[in-house]
């Protein structure tokens, strides 16, 4: 398994506010849906994600970065 997914680069003039209109990411040759972070965070700075019996925290920083911790 390739640890680095194949990606299609965004256009040079793309901005953070540009919403993806098509699948732009490939993993093992298959398209992957792209979700805006706002859809995951729903106006919050932190959301919890339950995955395989563990609880993870997705946190948006003041600098606009995302941090996922277990």
C-alpha atoms as a PDB file:
ATOM      1  CA  UNK A   1       0.000   0.000   0.000  1.00  0.00           C
ATOM      2  CA  UNK A   2       1.358   3.384  -0.964  1.00  0.00           C
ATOM      3  CA  UNK A   3       1.491   5.671   2.133  1.00  0.00           C
ATOM      4  CA  UNK A   4       1.295   8.776  -0.074  1.00  0.00           C
ATOM      5  CA  UNK A   5      -2.037   9.068  -1.894  1.00  0.00           C
ATOM      6  CA  UNK A   6      -2.005  10.273  -5.478  1.00  0.00           C
ATOM      7  CA  UNK A   7      -3.346  13.789  -5.741  1.00  0.00           C
ATOM      8  CA  UNK A   8      -4.322  16.022  -8.589  1.00  0.00           C
ATOM      9  CA  UNK A   9      -2.753  19.438  -8.005  1.00  0.00           C
ATOM     10  CA  UNK A  10      -5.054  22.410  -7.596  1.00  0.00           C
ATOM     11  CA  UNK A  11      -4.806  25.163 -10.201  1.00  0.00           C
ATOM     12  CA  UNK A  12      -2.173  27.801  -9.421  1.00  0.00           C
ATOM     13  CA  UNK A  13      -4.852  30.490  -9.116  1.00  0.00           C
ATOM     14  CA  UNK A  14      -7.058  28.492  -6.705  1.00  0.00           C
ATOM     15  CA  UNK A  15      -7.962  30.161  -3.425  1.00  0.00           C
ATOM     16  CA  UNK A  16      -9.032  28.752  -0.067  1.00  0.00           C
ATOM     17  CA  UNK A  17     -12.597  29.898  -0.751  1.00  0.00           C
ATOM     18  CA  UNK A  18     -12.828  27.897  -3.994  1.00  0.00           C
ATOM     19  CA  UNK A  19     -15.189  25.000  -3.304  1.00  0.00           C
ATOM     20  CA  UNK A  20     -14.250  21.811  -5.138  1.00  0.00           C
ATOM     21  CA  UNK A  21     -16.850  20.902  -7.719  1.00  0.00           C
ATOM     22  CA  UNK A  22     -15.423  17.512  -8.714  1.00  0.00           C
ATOM     23  CA  UNK A  23     -13.454  14.744  -7.083  1.00  0.00           C
ATOM     24  CA  UNK A  24      -9.877  16.007  -6.989  1.00  0.00           C
ATOM     25  CA  UNK A  25      -8.145  13.339  -4.909  1.00  0.00           C
ATOM     26  CA  UNK A  26      -7.192   9.797  -5.820  1.00  0.00           C
ATOM     27  CA  UNK A  27      -6.275   6.999  -3.433  1.00  0.00           C
ATOM     28  CA  UNK A  28      -4.922   3.796  -4.939  1.00  0.00           C
ATOM     29  CA  UNK A  29      -6.337   4.961  -8.285  1.00  0.00           C
ATOM     30  CA  UNK A  30      -9.869   5.543  -6.985  1.00  0.00           C
ATOM     31  CA  UNK A  31     -11.547   8.952  -6.571  1.00  0.00           C
ATOM     32  CA  UNK A  32     -12.059  10.206  -3.040  1.00  0.00           C
ATOM     33  CA  UNK A  33     -14.823  12.677  -2.110  1.00  0.00           C
ATOM     34  CA  UNK A  34     -13.548  16.094  -1.011  1.00  0.00           C
ATOM     35  CA  UNK A  35     -15.422  17.662   1.929  1.00  0.00           C
ATOM     36  CA  UNK A  36     -15.042  21.299   2.966  1.00  0.00           C
ATOM     37  CA  UNK A  37     -13.722  21.593   6.531  1.00  0.00           C
ATOM     38  CA  UNK A  38     -16.701  23.835   7.339  1.00  0.00           C
ATOM     39  CA  UNK A  39     -18.982  20.858   6.643  1.00  0.00           C
ATOM     40  CA  UNK A  40     -17.097  18.768   9.219  1.00  0.00           C
ATOM     41  CA  UNK A  41     -16.703  21.503  11.838  1.00  0.00           C
ATOM     42  CA  UNK A  42     -20.230  22.976  11.450  1.00  0.00           C
ATOM     43  CA  UNK A  43     -19.210  26.356  12.898  1.00  0.00           C
ATOM     44  CA  UNK A  44     -17.256  24.879  15.811  1.00  0.00           C
ATOM     45  CA  UNK A  45     -13.500  24.974  16.462  1.00  0.00           C
ATOM     46  CA  UNK A  46     -13.370  21.341  17.654  1.00  0.00           C
ATOM     47  CA  UNK A  47     -15.271  18.184  16.722  1.00  0.00           C
ATOM     48  CA  UNK A  48     -14.904  14.633  18.008  1.00  0.00           C
ATOM     49  CA  UNK A  49     -14.586  11.702  15.617  1.00  0.00           C
ATOM     50  CA  UNK A  50     -15.281   8.156  16.815  1.00  0.00           C
ATOM     51  CA  UNK A  51     -13.276   5.658  14.729  1.00  0.00           C
ATOM     52  CA  UNK A  52     -12.642   1.945  15.389  1.00  0.00           C
ATOM     53  CA  UNK A  53     -13.389   2.261  19.098  1.00  0.00           C
ATOM     54  CA  UNK A  54     -11.163   5.317  19.616  1.00  0.00           C
ATOM     55  CA  UNK A  55     -12.100   8.949  20.018  1.00  0.00           C
ATOM     56  CA  UNK A  56     -10.197  11.542  17.977  1.00  0.00           C
ATOM     57  CA  UNK A  57     -10.347  15.333  18.139  1.00  0.00           C
ATOM     58  CA  UNK A  58     -10.242  17.538  15.010  1.00  0.00           C
ATOM     59  CA  UNK A  59      -9.253  21.074  16.019  1.00  0.00           C
ATOM     60  CA  UNK A  60      -9.107  24.201  13.828  1.00  0.00           C
ATOM     61  CA  UNK A  61      -6.332  26.558  14.944  1.00  0.00           C
ATOM     62  CA  UNK A  62      -6.353  30.357  14.862  1.00  0.00           C
ATOM     63  CA  UNK A  63      -3.886  30.131  11.972  1.00  0.00           C
ATOM     64  CA  UNK A  64      -6.396  28.149   9.919  1.00  0.00           C
ATOM     65  CA  UNK A  65      -4.645  24.789  10.272  1.00  0.00           C
ATOM     66  CA  UNK A  66      -6.291  21.489  11.250  1.00  0.00           C
ATOM     67  CA  UNK A  67      -4.915  19.202  13.947  1.00  0.00           C
ATOM     68  CA  UNK A  68      -6.129  15.634  14.486  1.00  0.00           C
ATOM     69  CA  UNK A  69      -5.238  14.065  17.830  1.00  0.00           C
ATOM     70  CA  UNK A  70      -6.155  10.833  19.561  1.00  0.00           C
END
